[in-house]
Amino acid sequence: MCKEDYKMIQKIITIVLLVLIAGCTTGITQNNIPNDFHTGTQGIVLNIVQNAPPSKIYKGDHLTVSVELFNKGAYPASGNFQGKLEISGFDTSAINGAWDNGNEMPADLRGKSMYDPAGGYDIMSYDADSVSVPFNADSYPADLIVHSCYRYETQASPLVCIDPQPYEAVSEAKVCQVGDISLSGGQGAPIAVTKIEEEVGADTIYFRIYIKNVGDGTVINPLSYNNCPFDLKYEDLNKVTVNIRTSFDTGPRCTPAGTSSDPVNLIDGQGVIFCSFRKPNSVSAYQTPLSIDVDYAYSSSVTKHFEIINVN
């Protein structure tokens, strides 16, 4: 083979490799990476690792409870996460331990994103040096409960139709029509915006926004986070704060106000906030996002049953 033929073959191989690499890169970008991570109805999900603890342990043994933390929601995208674990359900004379490095969840337990499509993950462990059986009984059955408490936020930005004159007798062709919007699938959080109703007045546009607890845990007033889970009172539960805005009005009047002093109450897991916006300076209909941020604390738990066997 001559030198020129060898160089030509090298060029062909290089071109083929570049085409293959470009094709793989395009496949990853277009087919495997989702565009919207604000979907789903979960936040922090707990899982007690198998055999940590085992179903039976013996008096005097070391106890380790290992808990997996999965952030399956979309919050936070950046910044520090705030959450903690607590443990209960057993006689402290039988089990008396502590969380390794404290009970605070990792601050970098971030939500799903383009850089981490699965969401944040970590493991926390609770250790007791030596377990015992109270009153020298033959065994002690323990139902250990791990509680999560964390701050979270639901971020929804559905497109709404802004039409200053939706009821005029002679109407031009419009890009959208004023009407109700039903939202399904969640926004990557255990609290979801499920429906939006729109009405248009002479000078005002009204939105009625429905909010629902779609997770399997308890909603807590964000101001009461420090009391979670053992010092909560009834008035701390089922309250969320809400911030709603549009490009043309960032300070609507809402009932309730959605503030810390006037939060939205969730009755049977559902709540409503009614907001009025001033009409924009527009002569035709157009679509724009209605930005809705719901702030709250949330708590859920997992249980593990095991037995401590007395060895005399």
C-alpha atoms as a PDB file:
ATOM      1  CA  MET A   1       0.000   0.000   0.000  1.00  0.00           C
ATOM      2  CA  CYS A   2       1.409   3.379  -0.975  1.00  0.00           C
ATOM      3  CA  LYS A   3       1.680   6.362   1.399  1.00  0.00           C
ATOM      4  CA  GLU A   4      -1.111   8.308  -0.365  1.00  0.00           C
ATOM      5  CA  ASP A   5      -3.546   5.386  -0.074  1.00  0.00           C
ATOM      6  CA  TYR A   6      -2.758   5.050   3.631  1.00  0.00           C
ATOM      7  CA  LYS A   7      -3.510   8.772   4.227  1.00  0.00           C
ATOM      8  CA  MET A   8      -6.770   8.476   2.294  1.00  0.00           C
ATOM      9  CA  ILE A   9      -7.896   5.515   4.443  1.00  0.00           C
ATOM     10  CA  GLN A  10      -7.065   7.494   7.603  1.00  0.00           C
ATOM     11  CA  LYS A  11      -9.219  10.403   6.387  1.00  0.00           C
ATOM     12  CA  ILE A  12     -12.165   8.103   5.627  1.00  0.00           C
ATOM     13  CA  ILE A  13     -11.962   6.468   9.063  1.00  0.00           C
ATOM     14  CA  THR A  14     -11.806   9.884  10.747  1.00  0.00           C
ATOM     15  CA  ILE A  15     -14.883  11.128   8.853  1.00  0.00           C
ATOM     16  CA  VAL A  16     -16.853   7.977   9.703  1.00  0.00           C
ATOM     17  CA  LEU A  17     -15.971   8.312  13.412  1.00  0.00           C
ATOM     18  CA  LEU A  18     -17.010  11.974  13.463  1.00  0.00           C
ATOM     19  CA  VAL A  19     -20.376  11.126  11.867  1.00  0.00           C
ATOM     20  CA  LEU A  20     -20.972   8.344  14.410  1.00  0.00           C
ATOM     21  CA  ILE A  21     -20.076  10.607  17.339  1.00  0.00           C
ATOM     22  CA  ALA A  22     -22.344  13.382  16.037  1.00  0.00           C
ATOM     23  CA  GLY A  23     -25.180  10.894  15.650  1.00  0.00           C
ATOM     24  CA  CYS A  24     -24.760   9.605  19.213  1.00  0.00           C
ATOM     25  CA  THR A  25     -24.618  13.126  20.598  1.00  0.00           C
ATOM     26  CA  THR A  26     -27.796  14.122  18.769  1.00  0.00           C
ATOM     27  CA  GLY A  27     -29.546  11.007  20.072  1.00  0.00           C
ATOM     28  CA  ILE A  28     -28.673  11.825  23.683  1.00  0.00           C
ATOM     29  CA  THR A  29     -29.768  15.440  23.367  1.00  0.00           C
ATOM     30  CA  GLN A  30     -33.026  14.907  21.516  1.00  0.00           C
ATOM     31  CA  ASN A  31     -34.261  11.514  22.659  1.00  0.00           C
ATOM     32  CA  ASN A  32     -32.953  10.848  26.155  1.00  0.00           C
ATOM     33  CA  ILE A  33     -33.030  14.200  27.960  1.00  0.00           C
ATOM     34  CA  PRO A  34     -36.524  15.452  28.893  1.00  0.00           C
ATOM     35  CA  ASN A  35     -37.435  19.074  28.242  1.00  0.00           C
ATOM     36  CA  ASP A  36     -39.623  19.630  31.310  1.00  0.00           C
ATOM     37  CA  PHE A  37     -38.750  18.341  34.776  1.00  0.00           C
ATOM     38  CA  HIS A  38     -41.760  19.950  36.456  1.00  0.00           C
ATOM     39  CA  THR A  39     -43.865  16.789  36.205  1.00  0.00           C
ATOM     40  CA  GLY A  40     -44.811  14.126  38.723  1.00  0.00           C
ATOM     41  CA  THR A  41     -46.394  14.170  42.179  1.00  0.00           C
ATOM     42  CA  GLN A  42     -43.501  13.268  44.470  1.00  0.00           C
ATOM     43  CA  GLY A  43     -40.993  15.181  46.553  1.00  0.00           C
ATOM     44  CA  ILE A  44     -38.647  13.431  48.977  1.00  0.00           C
ATOM     45  CA  VAL A  45     -39.106   9.652  48.980  1.00  0.00           C
ATOM     46  CA  LEU A  46     -37.686   7.520  51.819  1.00  0.00           C
ATOM     47  CA  ASN A  47     -36.607   3.895  51.697  1.00  0.00           C
ATOM     48  CA  ILE A  48     -35.121   1.857  54.541  1.00  0.00           C
ATOM     49  CA  VAL A  49     -32.294  -0.223  53.110  1.00  0.00           C
ATOM     50  CA  GLN A  50     -32.899  -3.977  53.133  1.00  0.00           C
ATOM     51  CA  ASN A  51     -31.382  -5.707  56.214  1.00  0.00           C
ATOM     52  CA  ALA A  52     -30.457  -2.356  57.740  1.00  0.00           C
ATOM     53  CA  PRO A  53     -31.824  -3.319  60.225  1.00  0.00           C
ATOM     54  CA  PRO A  54     -32.505  -7.045  59.695  1.00  0.00           C
ATOM     55  CA  SER A  55     -35.788  -8.550  60.848  1.00  0.00           C
ATOM     56  CA  LYS A  56     -34.113 -10.046  63.939  1.00  0.00           C
ATOM     57  CA  ILE A  57     -31.220  -8.795  66.029  1.00  0.00           C
ATOM     58  CA  TYR A  58     -29.931  -9.887  69.420  1.00  0.00           C
ATOM     59  CA  LYS A  59     -29.521  -8.171  72.760  1.00  0.00           C
ATOM     60  CA  GLY A  60     -26.170  -6.403  72.850  1.00  0.00           C
ATOM     61  CA  ASP A  61     -25.898  -6.115  69.057  1.00  0.00           C
ATOM     62  CA  HIS A  62     -25.069  -2.882  67.249  1.00  0.00           C
ATOM     63  CA  LEU A  63     -28.073  -1.430  65.385  1.00  0.00           C
ATOM     64  CA  THR A  64     -27.826   0.502  62.119  1.00  0.00           C
ATOM     65  CA  VAL A  65     -30.842   1.982  60.334  1.00  0.00           C
ATOM     66  CA  SER A  66     -29.869   3.129  56.835  1.00  0.00           C
ATOM     67  CA  VAL A  67     -32.336   5.373  55.001  1.00  0.00           C
ATOM     68  CA  GLU A  68     -32.159   6.209  51.307  1.00  0.00           C
ATOM     69  CA  LEU A  69     -33.270   9.712  50.303  1.00  0.00           C
ATOM     70  CA  PHE A  70     -34.560  10.306  46.777  1.00  0.00           C
ATOM     71  CA  ASN A  71     -35.549  13.789  45.595  1.00  0.00           C
ATOM     72  CA  LYS A  72     -38.039  12.804  42.895  1.00  0.00           C
ATOM     73  CA  GLY A  73     -39.438  16.317  42.465  1.00  0.00           C
ATOM     74  CA  ALA A  74     -38.154  19.409  40.671  1.00  0.00           C
ATOM     75  CA  TYR A  75     -37.239  21.552  43.696  1.00  0.00           C
ATOM     76  CA  PRO A  76     -34.796  23.077  44.353  1.00  0.00           C
ATOM     77  CA  ALA A  77     -33.135  23.704  41.013  1.00  0.00           C
ATOM     78  CA  SER A  78     -30.325  25.533  42.800  1.00  0.00           C
ATOM     79  CA  GLY A  79     -29.495  26.773  46.262  1.00  0.00           C
ATOM     80  CA  ASN A  80     -29.631  24.870  49.530  1.00  0.00           C
ATOM     81  CA  PHE A  81     -32.215  22.224  50.343  1.00  0.00           C
ATOM     82  CA  GLN A  82     -33.687  22.218  53.860  1.00  0.00           C
ATOM     83  CA  GLY A  83     -34.918  19.000  55.425  1.00  0.00           C
ATOM     84  CA  LYS A  84     -34.455  16.651  58.376  1.00  0.00           C
ATOM     85  CA  LEU A  85     -35.177  13.121  59.570  1.00  0.00           C
ATOM     86  CA  GLU A  86     -36.585  12.047  62.930  1.00  0.00           C
ATOM     87  CA  ILE A  87     -37.023   8.544  64.321  1.00  0.00           C
ATOM     88  CA  SER A  88     -39.630   7.147  66.735  1.00  0.00           C
ATOM     89  CA  GLY A  89     -41.805   4.140  67.589  1.00  0.00           C
ATOM     90  CA  PHE A  90     -39.642   2.303  70.126  1.00  0.00           C
ATOM     91  CA  ASP A  91     -38.772   2.208  73.828  1.00  0.00           C
ATOM     92  CA  THR A  92     -35.624   4.271  74.307  1.00  0.00           C
ATOM     93  CA  SER A  93     -34.507   1.866  77.041  1.00  0.00           C
ATOM     94  CA  ALA A  94     -34.227  -0.743  74.259  1.00  0.00           C
ATOM     95  CA  ILE A  95     -32.772   1.469  71.521  1.00  0.00           C
ATOM     96  CA  ASN A  96     -30.885   4.680  72.221  1.00  0.00           C
ATOM     97  CA  GLY A  97     -28.882   5.963  69.288  1.00  0.00           C
ATOM     98  CA  ALA A  98     -28.183   9.013  67.127  1.00  0.00           C
ATOM     99  CA  TRP A  99     -27.950  10.053  63.477  1.00  0.00           C
ATOM    100  CA  ASP A 100     -24.483  10.010  61.995  1.00  0.00           C
ATOM    101  CA  ASN A 101     -23.430  13.636  61.404  1.00  0.00           C
ATOM    102  CA  GLY A 102     -26.797  14.884  62.693  1.00  0.00           C
ATOM    103  CA  ASN A 103     -30.332  14.527  61.352  1.00  0.00           C
ATOM    104  CA  GLU A 104     -30.243  17.320  58.740  1.00  0.00           C
ATOM    105  CA  MET A 105     -30.741  16.177  55.136  1.00  0.00           C
ATOM    106  CA  PRO A 106     -27.870  17.068  52.752  1.00  0.00           C
ATOM    107  CA  ALA A 107     -28.111  20.669  51.573  1.00  0.00           C
ATOM    108  CA  ASP A 108     -27.278  19.606  47.996  1.00  0.00           C
ATOM    109  CA  LEU A 109     -30.238  17.189  47.699  1.00  0.00           C
ATOM    110  CA  ARG A 110     -31.534  19.011  44.628  1.00  0.00           C
ATOM    111  CA  GLY A 111     -34.465  18.187  42.399  1.00  0.00           C
ATOM    112  CA  LYS A 112     -34.574  16.808  38.870  1.00  0.00           C
ATOM    113  CA  SER A 113     -32.813  18.843  36.211  1.00  0.00           C
ATOM    114  CA  MET A 114     -31.115  18.525  32.835  1.00  0.00           C
ATOM    115  CA  TYR A 115     -27.870  17.795  34.673  1.00  0.00           C
ATOM    116  CA  ASP A 116     -29.443  15.244  37.032  1.00  0.00           C
ATOM    117  CA  PRO A 117     -32.613  13.774  35.440  1.00  0.00           C
ATOM    118  CA  ALA A 118     -33.109  11.270  38.276  1.00  0.00           C
ATOM    119  CA  GLY A 119     -32.927  13.886  41.044  1.00  0.00           C
ATOM    120  CA  GLY A 120     -30.746  14.031  44.147  1.00  0.00           C
ATOM    121  CA  TYR A 121     -29.859  10.927  46.162  1.00  0.00           C
ATOM    122  CA  ASP A 122     -28.149  10.246  49.476  1.00  0.00           C
ATOM    123  CA  ILE A 123     -28.102   7.846  52.444  1.00  0.00           C
ATOM    124  CA  MET A 124     -28.425   8.733  56.136  1.00  0.00           C
ATOM    125  CA  SER A 125     -27.792   6.305  59.004  1.00  0.00           C
ATOM    126  CA  TYR A 126     -29.014   6.037  62.593  1.00  0.00           C
ATOM    127  CA  ASP A 127     -26.783   4.010  64.930  1.00  0.00           C
ATOM    128  CA  ALA A 128     -27.227   2.515  68.386  1.00  0.00           C
ATOM    129  CA  ASP A 129     -24.147   0.901  69.934  1.00  0.00           C
ATOM    130  CA  SER A 130     -26.017  -1.774  71.863  1.00  0.00           C
ATOM    131  CA  VAL A 131     -29.702  -2.742  71.899  1.00  0.00           C
ATOM    132  CA  SER A 132     -31.477  -4.378  74.839  1.00  0.00           C
ATOM    133  CA  VAL A 133     -34.762  -5.999  75.845  1.00  0.00           C
ATOM    134  CA  PRO A 134     -36.793  -4.072  78.467  1.00  0.00           C
ATOM    135  CA  PHE A 135     -37.541  -5.865  81.767  1.00  0.00           C
ATOM    136  CA  ASN A 136     -35.547  -8.916  80.670  1.00  0.00           C
ATOM    137  CA  ALA A 137     -38.419 -10.210  78.488  1.00  0.00           C
ATOM    138  CA  ASP A 138     -37.798 -12.937  75.942  1.00  0.00           C
ATOM    139  CA  SER A 139     -37.960 -10.474  73.072  1.00  0.00           C
ATOM    140  CA  TYR A 140     -38.948  -6.928  72.154  1.00  0.00           C
ATOM    141  CA  PRO A 141     -40.904  -6.219  68.936  1.00  0.00           C
ATOM    142  CA  ALA A 142     -40.067  -2.765  67.573  1.00  0.00           C
ATOM    143  CA  ASP A 143     -41.972  -0.767  64.938  1.00  0.00           C
ATOM    144  CA  LEU A 144     -39.451   1.841  63.959  1.00  0.00           C
ATOM    145  CA  ILE A 145     -40.783   4.926  62.137  1.00  0.00           C
ATOM    146  CA  VAL A 146     -38.578   7.305  60.138  1.00  0.00           C
ATOM    147  CA  HIS A 147     -40.181  10.710  59.595  1.00  0.00           C
ATOM    148  CA  SER A 148     -39.143  13.210  56.930  1.00  0.00           C
ATOM    149  CA  CYS A 149     -39.751  16.943  57.285  1.00  0.00           C
ATOM    150  CA  TYR A 150     -38.682  19.282  54.506  1.00  0.00           C
ATOM    151  CA  ARG A 151     -39.336  22.629  52.855  1.00  0.00           C
ATOM    152  CA  TYR A 152     -40.582  22.400  49.285  1.00  0.00           C
ATOM    153  CA  GLU A 153     -42.069  24.503  46.517  1.00  0.00           C
ATOM    154  CA  THR A 154     -44.402  23.811  43.612  1.00  0.00           C
ATOM    155  CA  GLN A 155     -43.644  25.875  40.532  1.00  0.00           C
ATOM    156  CA  ALA A 156     -46.307  26.008  37.816  1.00  0.00           C
ATOM    157  CA  SER A 157     -46.350  28.234  34.724  1.00  0.00           C
ATOM    158  CA  PRO A 158     -49.361  27.239  32.603  1.00  0.00           C
ATOM    159  CA  LEU A 159     -50.111  29.277  29.482  1.00  0.00           C
ATOM    160  CA  VAL A 160     -53.306  31.305  29.851  1.00  0.00           C
ATOM    161  CA  CYS A 161     -55.226  33.310  27.268  1.00  0.00           C
ATOM    162  CA  ILE A 162     -55.233  37.070  27.790  1.00  0.00           C
ATOM    163  CA  ASP A 163     -58.055  38.602  25.777  1.00  0.00           C
ATOM    164  CA  PRO A 164     -59.081  42.178  26.674  1.00  0.00           C
ATOM    165  CA  GLN A 165     -62.322  41.848  24.658  1.00  0.00           C
ATOM    166  CA  PRO A 166     -63.457  38.201  24.687  1.00  0.00           C
ATOM    167  CA  TYR A 167     -67.183  38.975  24.302  1.00  0.00           C
ATOM    168  CA  GLU A 168     -67.231  41.564  21.514  1.00  0.00           C
ATOM    169  CA  ALA A 169     -69.992  41.107  18.901  1.00  0.00           C
ATOM    170  CA  VAL A 170     -67.651  41.134  15.916  1.00  0.00           C
ATOM    171  CA  SER A 171     -64.491  39.240  16.688  1.00  0.00           C
ATOM    172  CA  GLU A 172     -61.325  38.951  14.633  1.00  0.00           C
ATOM    173  CA  ALA A 173     -59.341  35.744  14.349  1.00  0.00           C
ATOM    174  CA  LYS A 174     -57.600  35.071  17.676  1.00  0.00           C
ATOM    175  CA  VAL A 175     -54.712  32.868  18.730  1.00  0.00           C
ATOM    176  CA  CYS A 176     -56.561  31.657  21.843  1.00  0.00           C
ATOM    177  CA  GLN A 177     -59.890  31.647  23.679  1.00  0.00           C
ATOM    178  CA  VAL A 178     -60.545  32.464  27.336  1.00  0.00           C
ATOM    179  CA  GLY A 179     -61.567  29.338  29.221  1.00  0.00           C
ATOM    180  CA  ASP A 180     -60.811  26.904  32.028  1.00  0.00           C
ATOM    181  CA  ILE A 181     -57.560  24.946  32.120  1.00  0.00           C
ATOM    182  CA  SER A 182     -57.211  21.491  33.688  1.00  0.00           C
ATOM    183  CA  LEU A 183     -53.711  20.427  34.690  1.00  0.00           C
ATOM    184  CA  SER A 184     -52.789  16.778  35.228  1.00  0.00           C
ATOM    185  CA  GLY A 185     -49.624  14.898  36.069  1.00  0.00           C
ATOM    186  CA  GLY A 186     -48.399  17.336  38.719  1.00  0.00           C
ATOM    187  CA  GLN A 187     -45.567  19.847  38.588  1.00  0.00           C
ATOM    188  CA  GLY A 188     -42.787  17.774  40.159  1.00  0.00           C
ATOM    189  CA  ALA A 189     -43.978  18.162  43.758  1.00  0.00           C
ATOM    190  CA  PRO A 190     -46.470  16.618  46.230  1.00  0.00           C
ATOM    191  CA  ILE A 191     -48.665  19.736  46.002  1.00  0.00           C
ATOM    192  CA  ALA A 192     -50.130  20.387  42.550  1.00  0.00           C
ATOM    193  CA  VAL A 193     -52.021  23.113  40.735  1.00  0.00           C
ATOM    194  CA  THR A 194     -54.904  21.140  39.234  1.00  0.00           C
ATOM    195  CA  LYS A 195     -57.245  23.681  37.600  1.00  0.00           C
ATOM    196  CA  ILE A 196     -57.449  27.343  36.573  1.00  0.00           C
ATOM    197  CA  GLU A 197     -60.688  29.200  35.853  1.00  0.00           C
ATOM    198  CA  GLU A 198     -60.568  32.564  34.057  1.00  0.00           C
ATOM    199  CA  GLU A 199     -63.123  35.377  33.850  1.00  0.00           C
ATOM    200  CA  VAL A 200     -62.802  38.783  32.214  1.00  0.00           C
ATOM    201  CA  GLY A 201     -64.422  41.962  33.511  1.00  0.00           C
ATOM    202  CA  ALA A 202     -64.471  45.537  32.272  1.00  0.00           C
ATOM    203  CA  ASP A 203     -61.063  46.439  33.708  1.00  0.00           C
ATOM    204  CA  THR A 204     -59.959  43.246  35.395  1.00  0.00           C
ATOM    205  CA  ILE A 205     -59.000  39.664  34.592  1.00  0.00           C
ATOM    206  CA  TYR A 206     -59.828  37.089  37.279  1.00  0.00           C
ATOM    207  CA  PHE A 207     -58.186  33.723  37.916  1.00  0.00           C
ATOM    208  CA  ARG A 208     -59.477  31.086  40.321  1.00  0.00           C
ATOM    209  CA  ILE A 209     -56.645  28.637  41.019  1.00  0.00           C
ATOM    210  CA  TYR A 210     -57.159  25.191  42.562  1.00  0.00           C
ATOM    211  CA  ILE A 211     -54.416  23.552  44.643  1.00  0.00           C
ATOM    212  CA  LYS A 212     -54.333  19.940  45.870  1.00  0.00           C
ATOM    213  CA  ASN A 213     -52.201  17.645  48.018  1.00  0.00           C
ATOM    214  CA  VAL A 214     -51.453  14.828  45.546  1.00  0.00           C
ATOM    215  CA  GLY A 215     -48.755  13.157  47.660  1.00  0.00           C
ATOM    216  CA  ASP A 216     -49.053  10.650  50.485  1.00  0.00           C
ATOM    217  CA  GLY A 217     -47.837  12.945  53.266  1.00  0.00           C
ATOM    218  CA  THR A 218     -48.919  15.849  55.453  1.00  0.00           C
ATOM    219  CA  VAL A 219     -48.895  19.511  54.398  1.00  0.00           C
ATOM    220  CA  ILE A 220     -47.483  21.915  56.973  1.00  0.00           C
ATOM    221  CA  ASN A 221     -47.420  25.699  57.174  1.00  0.00           C
ATOM    222  CA  PRO A 222     -43.884  26.686  56.090  1.00  0.00           C
ATOM    223  CA  LEU A 223     -43.605  28.830  59.231  1.00  0.00           C
ATOM    224  CA  SER A 224     -44.096  25.674  61.349  1.00  0.00           C
ATOM    225  CA  TYR A 225     -41.246  23.685  59.791  1.00  0.00           C
ATOM    226  CA  ASN A 226     -39.191  23.738  63.020  1.00  0.00           C
ATOM    227  CA  ASN A 227     -42.064  22.064  64.901  1.00  0.00           C
ATOM    228  CA  CYS A 228     -42.170  19.070  62.533  1.00  0.00           C
ATOM    229  CA  PRO A 229     -42.916  16.277  63.276  1.00  0.00           C
ATOM    230  CA  PHE A 230     -43.415  15.960  67.052  1.00  0.00           C
ATOM    231  CA  ASP A 231     -44.468  19.482  68.111  1.00  0.00           C
ATOM    232  CA  LEU A 232     -47.055  20.253  65.447  1.00  0.00           C
ATOM    233  CA  LYS A 233     -50.464  21.618  66.370  1.00  0.00           C
ATOM    234  CA  TYR A 234     -53.684  21.368  64.401  1.00  0.00           C
ATOM    235  CA  GLU A 235     -53.396  24.981  63.252  1.00  0.00           C
ATOM    236  CA  ASP A 236     -49.963  24.228  61.743  1.00  0.00           C
ATOM    237  CA  LEU A 237     -51.405  21.762  59.233  1.00  0.00           C
ATOM    238  CA  ASN A 238     -52.783  22.108  55.685  1.00  0.00           C
ATOM    239  CA  LYS A 239     -51.625  25.667  55.034  1.00  0.00           C
ATOM    240  CA  VAL A 240     -49.586  26.914  52.061  1.00  0.00           C
ATOM    241  CA  THR A 241     -48.393  30.300  50.893  1.00  0.00           C
ATOM    242  CA  VAL A 242     -48.814  31.254  47.242  1.00  0.00           C
ATOM    243  CA  ASN A 243     -47.166  33.842  44.989  1.00  0.00           C
ATOM    244  CA  ILE A 244     -48.970  34.506  41.677  1.00  0.00           C
ATOM    245  CA  ARG A 245     -47.940  36.915  38.934  1.00  0.00           C
ATOM    246  CA  THR A 246     -48.043  37.651  35.209  1.00  0.00           C
ATOM    247  CA  SER A 247     -45.832  39.660  32.903  1.00  0.00           C
ATOM    248  CA  PHE A 248     -48.314  42.545  32.992  1.00  0.00           C
ATOM    249  CA  ASP A 249     -49.198  42.486  36.712  1.00  0.00           C
ATOM    250  CA  THR A 250     -46.829  41.166  39.391  1.00  0.00           C
ATOM    251  CA  GLY A 251     -48.970  42.285  42.321  1.00  0.00           C
ATOM    252  CA  PRO A 252     -52.549  41.002  41.951  1.00  0.00           C
ATOM    253  CA  ARG A 253     -55.158  41.178  44.699  1.00  0.00           C
ATOM    254  CA  CYS A 254     -55.879  37.683  45.994  1.00  0.00           C
ATOM    255  CA  THR A 255     -58.349  36.103  48.412  1.00  0.00           C
ATOM    256  CA  PRO A 256     -56.942  34.690  50.588  1.00  0.00           C
ATOM    257  CA  ALA A 257     -53.810  36.775  50.172  1.00  0.00           C
ATOM    258  CA  GLY A 258     -51.588  33.685  50.076  1.00  0.00           C
ATOM    259  CA  THR A 259     -49.145  35.311  52.503  1.00  0.00           C
ATOM    260  CA  SER A 260     -47.725  33.974  55.774  1.00  0.00           C
ATOM    261  CA  SER A 261     -50.396  35.867  57.708  1.00  0.00           C
ATOM    262  CA  ASP A 262     -53.210  34.854  55.328  1.00  0.00           C
ATOM    263  CA  PRO A 263     -52.277  31.466  53.819  1.00  0.00           C
ATOM    264  CA  VAL A 264     -54.410  29.202  51.644  1.00  0.00           C
ATOM    265  CA  ASN A 265     -56.138  26.489  53.695  1.00  0.00           C
ATOM    266  CA  LEU A 266     -56.402  22.995  52.243  1.00  0.00           C
ATOM    267  CA  ILE A 267     -59.679  21.359  53.273  1.00  0.00           C
ATOM    268  CA  ASP A 268     -59.759  17.615  52.596  1.00  0.00           C
ATOM    269  CA  GLY A 269     -56.476  18.170  50.777  1.00  0.00           C
ATOM    270  CA  GLN A 270     -57.758  20.905  48.437  1.00  0.00           C
ATOM    271  CA  GLY A 271     -57.707  24.694  48.414  1.00  0.00           C
ATOM    272  CA  VAL A 272     -58.597  27.666  46.195  1.00  0.00           C
ATOM    273  CA  ILE A 273     -57.138  31.143  45.737  1.00  0.00           C
ATOM    274  CA  PHE A 274     -58.968  33.854  43.751  1.00  0.00           C
ATOM    275  CA  CYS A 275     -56.876  36.639  42.189  1.00  0.00           C
ATOM    276  CA  SER A 276     -57.739  39.749  40.176  1.00  0.00           C
ATOM    277  CA  PHE A 277     -55.288  41.309  37.701  1.00  0.00           C
ATOM    278  CA  ARG A 278     -55.514  44.656  35.964  1.00  0.00           C
ATOM    279  CA  LYS A 279     -56.034  44.365  32.212  1.00  0.00           C
ATOM    280  CA  PRO A 280     -52.911  44.793  30.093  1.00  0.00           C
ATOM    281  CA  ASN A 281     -52.555  47.422  27.397  1.00  0.00           C
ATOM    282  CA  SER A 282     -53.323  45.118  24.489  1.00  0.00           C
ATOM    283  CA  VAL A 283     -55.871  45.246  21.681  1.00  0.00           C
ATOM    284  CA  SER A 284     -55.749  41.572  20.750  1.00  0.00           C
ATOM    285  CA  ALA A 285     -55.617  38.186  22.442  1.00  0.00           C
ATOM    286  CA  TYR A 286     -52.341  36.448  23.248  1.00  0.00           C
ATOM    287  CA  GLN A 287     -50.973  33.685  25.445  1.00  0.00           C
ATOM    288  CA  THR A 288     -48.646  34.224  28.420  1.00  0.00           C
ATOM    289  CA  PRO A 289     -47.505  32.161  31.418  1.00  0.00           C
ATOM    290  CA  LEU A 290     -49.363  32.513  34.705  1.00  0.00           C
ATOM    291  CA  SER A 291     -46.569  32.032  37.250  1.00  0.00           C
ATOM    292  CA  ILE A 292     -47.682  30.196  40.412  1.00  0.00           C
ATOM    293  CA  ASP A 293     -45.281  29.383  43.272  1.00  0.00           C
ATOM    294  CA  VAL A 294     -46.678  27.388  46.203  1.00  0.00           C
ATOM    295  CA  ASP A 295     -44.484  27.259  49.314  1.00  0.00           C
ATOM    296  CA  TYR A 296     -44.966  24.739  52.161  1.00  0.00           C
ATOM    297  CA  ALA A 297     -43.362  22.184  54.421  1.00  0.00           C
ATOM    298  CA  TYR A 298     -44.106  18.498  53.949  1.00  0.00           C
ATOM    299  CA  SER A 299     -43.824  15.358  56.049  1.00  0.00           C
ATOM    300  CA  SER A 300     -44.051  11.640  55.269  1.00  0.00           C
ATOM    301  CA  SER A 301     -42.771   8.459  56.923  1.00  0.00           C
ATOM    302  CA  VAL A 302     -41.687   4.853  56.416  1.00  0.00           C
ATOM    303  CA  THR A 303     -41.916   1.995  58.940  1.00  0.00           C
ATOM    304  CA  LYS A 304     -39.709  -1.015  59.635  1.00  0.00           C
ATOM    305  CA  HIS A 305     -40.694  -3.876  61.971  1.00  0.00           C
ATOM    306  CA  PHE A 306     -37.996  -5.948  63.602  1.00  0.00           C
ATOM    307  CA  GLU A 307     -37.463  -7.931  66.793  1.00  0.00           C
ATOM    308  CA  ILE A 308     -34.769  -7.846  69.451  1.00  0.00           C
ATOM    309  CA  ILE A 309     -34.132 -11.314  70.885  1.00  0.00           C
ATOM    310  CA  ASN A 310     -32.986 -11.706  74.488  1.00  0.00           C
ATOM    311  CA  VAL A 311     -29.949 -13.915  74.988  1.00  0.00           C
ATOM    312  CA  ASN A 312     -29.416 -14.864  78.642  1.00  0.00           C
END
